[in-house]
Amino acid sequence: MVTALRVQAFTEGSAGGAVAAPANAWLPHPVTGPRSARRARVLVLDSDEIVLRVTERMLARLGYDPVATTRAAVAAQLYEQAAAGGQPFALILIDPAACRGPTALELLARLRQVDPGLRAILSGSYCSCPPTAEYARYGFAAALPKPFTLDELGQVLMLASGARN
C-alpha cells in the first residue's frame, strides 16, 4: 500500500523542487479547511510547474481555493485584480526562485501597497534571500521549507491565517 508520494521536478535552468504528500492527498473531499464557510482563496507562486500543480491539489484537499502561477508578474496582477474585484486572497505562498525580475521582497512590497494586511508564506527548497529562518524579519507570516507534507501545509496555513504582519 502506498502511504506517501514524493514529487521531485527539475526544469532547465532551475535547481528543482520537491513536495511530499500523503498518497490520499488527491482524494476529492477535504480533511480540514479554513474556518469560514466560504473557501479561502490562496495564491501560489512557485518556480516549478509540477510542484505548483501538486500544491494546488493539496490546497484543494485542505478546503482552500487555490490559484497558481509560475511567474511573479502574473502573481502580482492576480493579487491586484482580486483585491480590486472584492475577492482578495487570504494568503499567498511565495517561492523566491519564481521571482525572476522582482525579488520575493520586492513582490511582497508591491503587494503590501495593495493590501497592507497581506499574509505571505515563504516556501522554497533553498532560500538565499530572504533566509527561511528569518522569515518574520522580512515580512512573511510563516515559512514552509520544501519538501512539505499535506499536514505541514495545513499547519502553516492555519498559523499564517492567524498571523498579522
Protein backbone atom coordinates (compact mmCIF):
# COMPACT_ATOMS: atom_id res chain seq x y z
CA MET A 1 0.00 0.00 0.00
CA VAL A 2 1.34 3.44 -0.93
CA THR A 3 1.15 5.84 2.04
CA ALA A 4 3.11 8.81 0.73
CA LEU A 5 4.19 10.33 -2.54
CA ARG A 6 7.23 12.48 -3.19
CA VAL A 7 7.34 14.54 -6.37
CA GLN A 8 10.65 15.97 -7.44
CA ALA A 9 11.00 18.03 -10.58
CA PHE A 10 13.81 19.72 -12.39
CA THR A 11 13.40 22.11 -15.27
CA GLU A 12 16.02 23.66 -17.47
CA GLY A 13 17.80 26.43 -15.61
CA SER A 14 16.29 25.60 -12.21
CA ALA A 15 17.58 23.88 -9.13
CA GLY A 16 14.38 21.86 -9.00
CA GLY A 17 11.96 21.39 -6.19
CA ALA A 18 10.13 18.72 -4.27
CA VAL A 19 6.87 18.18 -2.48
CA ALA A 20 5.99 15.23 -0.29
CA ALA A 21 2.34 14.36 0.24
CA PRO A 22 0.27 11.53 1.63
CA ALA A 23 -0.95 9.26 -1.14
CA ASN A 24 -4.54 10.23 -0.33
CA ALA A 25 -3.86 13.96 -0.88
CA TRP A 26 -5.70 13.74 -4.19
CA LEU A 27 -8.99 12.48 -2.80
CA PRO A 28 -11.93 14.71 -3.79
CA HIS A 29 -13.08 15.76 -0.31
CA PRO A 30 -11.19 17.94 2.18
CA VAL A 31 -9.93 16.62 5.51
CA THR A 32 -9.73 20.01 7.13
CA GLY A 33 -10.09 23.51 5.88
CA PRO A 34 -10.46 27.17 6.52
CA ARG A 35 -12.62 28.25 9.44
CA SER A 36 -15.12 30.24 7.40
CA ALA A 37 -17.90 28.62 5.39
CA ARG A 38 -16.57 30.36 2.26
CA ARG A 39 -13.44 28.72 0.88
CA ALA A 40 -10.42 30.92 1.49
CA ARG A 41 -8.53 31.81 -1.68
CA VAL A 42 -4.78 31.11 -1.71
CA LEU A 43 -2.40 32.39 -4.37
CA VAL A 44 0.59 30.14 -5.04
CA LEU A 45 3.75 31.32 -6.78
CA ASP A 46 6.22 28.52 -7.43
CA SER A 47 9.05 28.14 -9.92
CA ASP A 48 8.26 24.53 -10.76
CA GLU A 49 5.12 23.61 -12.69
CA ILE A 50 4.86 20.10 -11.24
CA VAL A 51 5.32 21.27 -7.65
CA LEU A 52 2.80 24.01 -8.36
CA ARG A 53 0.15 21.51 -9.50
CA VAL A 54 0.76 19.20 -6.53
CA THR A 55 0.47 22.17 -4.14
CA GLU A 56 -2.79 23.21 -5.84
CA ARG A 57 -4.24 19.75 -5.23
CA MET A 58 -3.05 19.74 -1.65
CA LEU A 59 -4.68 23.12 -1.02
CA ALA A 60 -7.94 21.96 -2.57
CA ARG A 61 -7.79 18.84 -0.39
CA LEU A 62 -7.44 21.09 2.65
CA GLY A 63 -10.54 23.03 1.62
CA TYR A 64 -8.90 26.09 0.10
CA ASP A 65 -9.49 27.64 -3.32
CA PRO A 66 -6.03 27.76 -4.93
CA VAL A 67 -4.89 29.95 -7.83
CA ALA A 68 -1.39 29.22 -9.08
CA THR A 69 1.29 30.66 -11.34
CA THR A 70 5.00 30.25 -12.05
CA ARG A 71 5.56 33.97 -12.74
CA ALA A 72 5.91 36.75 -10.17
CA ALA A 73 4.48 39.40 -12.52
CA VAL A 74 1.37 37.28 -13.07
CA ALA A 75 1.05 36.70 -9.32
CA ALA A 76 1.15 40.46 -8.73
CA GLN A 77 -1.54 41.05 -11.38
CA LEU A 78 -3.76 38.29 -10.00
CA TYR A 79 -3.41 39.64 -6.46
CA GLU A 80 -4.16 43.21 -7.52
CA GLN A 81 -7.16 42.18 -9.66
CA ALA A 82 -8.60 40.02 -6.87
CA ALA A 83 -8.30 42.84 -4.35
CA ALA A 84 -9.85 45.36 -6.76
CA GLY A 85 -12.67 42.93 -7.55
CA GLY A 86 -13.58 42.43 -3.91
CA GLN A 87 -12.37 38.82 -3.81
CA PRO A 88 -8.97 39.13 -2.13
CA PHE A 89 -6.65 36.24 -1.44
CA ALA A 90 -6.44 35.15 2.19
CA LEU A 91 -2.81 34.05 1.78
CA ILE A 92 -0.01 33.89 -0.76
CA LEU A 93 2.74 31.26 -0.88
CA ILE A 94 5.89 32.65 -2.48
CA ASP A 95 8.79 30.56 -3.77
CA PRO A 96 11.71 33.01 -4.10
CA ALA A 97 13.07 31.01 -7.04
CA ALA A 98 9.95 32.02 -9.02
CA CYS A 99 10.83 35.69 -8.61
CA ARG A 100 12.80 36.46 -11.73
CA GLY A 101 12.91 40.20 -12.18
CA PRO A 102 11.42 41.49 -8.97
CA THR A 103 12.74 39.63 -5.94
CA ALA A 104 10.42 38.00 -3.40
CA LEU A 105 10.90 41.04 -1.16
CA GLU A 106 10.07 43.46 -3.99
CA LEU A 107 6.97 41.45 -4.84
CA LEU A 108 5.91 41.47 -1.20
CA ALA A 109 6.40 45.25 -1.01
CA ARG A 110 4.32 45.77 -4.18
CA LEU A 111 1.50 43.60 -2.85
CA ARG A 112 1.58 45.36 0.53
CA GLN A 113 0.75 48.60 -1.29
CA VAL A 114 -2.49 46.93 -2.38
CA ASP A 115 -3.11 45.12 0.91
CA PRO A 116 -1.10 46.21 3.98
CA GLY A 117 -2.51 43.22 5.90
CA LEU A 118 -1.18 40.72 3.37
CA ARG A 119 -0.28 37.35 4.88
CA ALA A 120 2.51 35.69 2.93
CA ILE A 121 4.27 32.37 3.39
CA LEU A 122 7.86 31.89 2.24
CA SER A 123 8.13 28.49 0.57
CA GLY A 124 11.26 27.16 -1.05
CA SER A 125 13.80 24.38 -1.33
CA TYR A 126 16.56 26.80 -0.57
CA CYS A 127 16.29 30.46 0.20
CA SER A 128 19.23 32.78 -0.04
CA CYS A 129 17.05 35.89 0.18
CA PRO A 130 15.24 36.16 2.47
CA PRO A 131 16.62 33.47 4.78
CA THR A 132 13.95 30.97 5.77
CA ALA A 133 14.98 31.13 9.42
CA GLU A 134 14.37 34.89 9.46
CA TYR A 135 11.08 34.94 7.55
CA ALA A 136 9.29 37.24 10.04
CA ARG A 137 12.05 39.83 9.78
CA TYR A 138 11.29 40.10 6.07
CA GLY A 139 7.52 40.43 6.49
CA PHE A 140 6.41 36.83 5.96
CA ALA A 141 3.82 35.33 8.31
CA ALA A 142 5.41 31.86 8.11
CA ALA A 143 7.95 29.74 6.28
CA LEU A 144 7.33 26.38 4.65
CA PRO A 145 10.52 24.60 3.55
CA LYS A 146 10.24 22.10 0.71
CA PRO A 147 9.52 19.28 0.57
CA PHE A 148 6.41 19.53 2.74
CA THR A 149 3.58 17.19 3.59
CA LEU A 150 -0.15 17.82 3.47
CA ASP A 151 -0.21 18.11 7.27
CA GLU A 152 2.69 20.58 7.30
CA LEU A 153 1.00 22.70 4.65
CA GLY A 154 -2.24 22.70 6.64
CA GLN A 155 -0.48 23.66 9.87
CA VAL A 156 1.43 26.52 8.25
CA LEU A 157 -1.72 27.84 6.56
CA MET A 158 -3.56 27.88 9.89
CA LEU A 159 -0.58 29.59 11.57
CA ALA A 160 -0.30 32.20 8.82
CA SER A 161 -4.07 32.78 8.76
CA GLY A 162 -3.90 33.97 12.34
CA ALA A 163 -0.71 35.98 11.89
CA ARG A 164 -0.79 39.67 11.13
CA ASN A 165 2.36 41.15 9.57
